[in-house]
Amino acid sequence: MGFDVTQQGDVTVINVEGQLIVGNRQELKQKVLEELENGARKFLIDFANTGYIDSSGLGVLVSLSKKIREQDGELRLANLNDDLRTLFELTKLDTLFHISDGRDEALASF
């Protein structure tokens, strides 16, 4: 379980490994806010290796989306499995986030 931060061009990519839950959401938030402070404005959170997101995980994503937009940045999500995509649809968060099926598609959308 953890977060791997890499750069692809001018996009900061965060890979979420395992689950995004109450126990680790602050770590994700801290990593993104550090990158934002360092001047990054394009973020892609890749959920290819994520099986579960709880309500606190969703909350931190909404919070990060707001912070990034306030700094004239953009946030994209990619590789949600079927269960996670359904979760975003049921909570109407699919209307807040730009969600791509794959990393390449998400990177091309900036």
Protein backbone atom coordinates (compact mmCIF):
# COMPACT_ATOMS: atom_id res chain seq x y z
CA MET A 1 0.00 0.00 0.00
CA GLY A 2 1.39 3.38 -0.91
CA PHE A 3 1.71 6.18 -3.40
CA ASP A 4 4.31 6.40 -6.13
CA VAL A 5 4.83 9.89 -7.58
CA THR A 6 6.42 10.24 -11.03
CA GLN A 7 6.58 12.86 -13.78
CA GLN A 8 5.45 12.33 -17.35
CA GLY A 9 6.32 15.53 -19.15
CA ASP A 10 4.62 18.32 -17.22
CA VAL A 11 2.10 15.97 -15.59
CA THR A 12 2.58 14.70 -12.03
CA VAL A 13 1.37 11.08 -11.93
CA ILE A 14 0.40 9.49 -8.62
CA ASN A 15 -0.06 5.71 -8.64
CA VAL A 16 -2.28 4.49 -5.82
CA GLU A 17 -1.26 1.00 -4.66
CA GLY A 18 -3.83 -1.04 -2.73
CA GLN A 19 -6.59 0.98 -1.11
CA LEU A 20 -7.38 4.65 -0.56
CA ILE A 21 -8.85 4.65 2.94
CA VAL A 22 -9.00 6.61 6.20
CA GLY A 23 -5.60 5.24 7.25
CA ASN A 24 -3.64 6.60 4.28
CA ARG A 25 -5.65 9.46 2.79
CA GLN A 26 -3.55 12.12 4.52
CA GLU A 27 -0.40 10.71 2.92
CA LEU A 28 -1.93 11.13 -0.55
CA LYS A 29 -3.11 14.64 0.29
CA GLN A 30 0.33 15.62 1.58
CA LYS A 31 2.11 14.32 -1.54
CA VAL A 32 -0.22 16.21 -3.89
CA LEU A 33 -0.07 19.44 -1.87
CA GLU A 34 3.75 19.28 -1.82
CA GLU A 35 3.81 18.94 -5.61
CA LEU A 36 1.32 21.81 -5.90
CA GLU A 37 3.53 24.01 -3.71
CA ASN A 38 6.50 23.13 -5.91
CA GLY A 39 4.70 24.45 -8.98
CA ALA A 40 3.00 21.37 -10.45
CA ARG A 41 -0.38 22.16 -11.99
CA LYS A 42 -1.33 18.99 -13.91
CA PHE A 43 -2.11 15.89 -11.87
CA LEU A 44 -3.11 12.38 -12.84
CA ILE A 45 -4.10 9.91 -10.16
CA ASP A 46 -3.82 6.37 -11.54
CA PHE A 47 -5.96 3.72 -9.84
CA ALA A 48 -4.76 0.74 -11.92
CA ASN A 49 -3.58 -1.04 -8.74
CA THR A 50 -6.39 0.12 -6.46
CA GLY A 51 -9.17 -2.17 -5.32
CA TYR A 52 -11.07 -0.03 -2.85
CA ILE A 53 -11.76 3.59 -1.94
CA ASP A 54 -13.75 4.43 1.20
CA SER A 55 -15.75 7.59 1.89
CA SER A 56 -12.76 9.36 3.44
CA GLY A 57 -10.75 8.53 0.32
CA LEU A 58 -13.46 10.08 -1.84
CA GLY A 59 -13.48 13.10 0.47
CA VAL A 60 -9.74 13.67 0.06
CA LEU A 61 -10.09 13.45 -3.74
CA VAL A 62 -12.83 16.11 -3.68
CA SER A 63 -10.68 18.29 -1.40
CA LEU A 64 -7.63 17.91 -3.66
CA SER A 65 -9.71 18.69 -6.74
CA LYS A 66 -10.83 21.96 -5.15
CA LYS A 67 -7.29 22.93 -4.04
CA ILE A 68 -5.83 22.15 -7.47
CA ARG A 69 -8.54 24.16 -9.26
CA GLU A 70 -7.94 27.12 -6.90
CA GLN A 71 -4.32 27.12 -8.11
CA ASP A 72 -5.44 27.02 -11.79
CA GLY A 73 -4.47 23.37 -12.03
CA GLU A 74 -6.13 20.28 -13.43
CA LEU A 75 -6.75 16.84 -11.95
CA ARG A 76 -7.52 13.68 -13.93
CA LEU A 77 -8.31 10.16 -12.73
CA ALA A 78 -7.51 7.01 -14.67
CA ASN A 79 -7.91 3.23 -14.59
CA LEU A 80 -10.87 2.92 -12.24
CA ASN A 81 -12.02 -0.69 -12.06
CA ASP A 82 -15.72 -1.48 -12.56
CA ASP A 83 -16.53 -1.28 -8.84
CA LEU A 84 -14.77 2.06 -8.42
CA ARG A 85 -16.37 3.49 -11.56
CA THR A 86 -19.79 2.47 -10.20
CA LEU A 87 -18.93 4.14 -6.87
CA PHE A 88 -18.10 7.40 -8.67
CA GLU A 89 -21.33 7.18 -10.68
CA LEU A 90 -23.51 6.47 -7.64
CA THR A 91 -22.00 9.39 -5.72
CA LYS A 92 -22.24 11.62 -8.83
CA LEU A 93 -18.49 12.28 -8.54
CA ASP A 94 -18.11 11.21 -12.15
CA THR A 95 -19.50 14.67 -12.96
CA LEU A 96 -16.80 16.40 -10.86
CA PHE A 97 -13.78 14.48 -12.13
CA HIS A 98 -12.44 13.88 -15.61
CA ILE A 99 -12.14 10.07 -15.62
CA SER A 100 -10.22 8.20 -18.32
CA ASP A 101 -10.09 4.49 -19.03
CA GLY A 102 -6.30 4.48 -19.30
CA ARG A 103 -3.20 6.47 -18.48
CA ASP A 104 -2.40 7.42 -22.08
CA GLU A 105 -5.93 8.72 -22.66
CA ALA A 106 -5.74 10.76 -19.43
CA LEU A 107 -2.35 12.24 -20.32
CA ALA A 108 -3.62 13.21 -23.78
CA SER A 109 -6.62 15.02 -22.23
CA PHE A 110 -4.54 17.81 -20.63
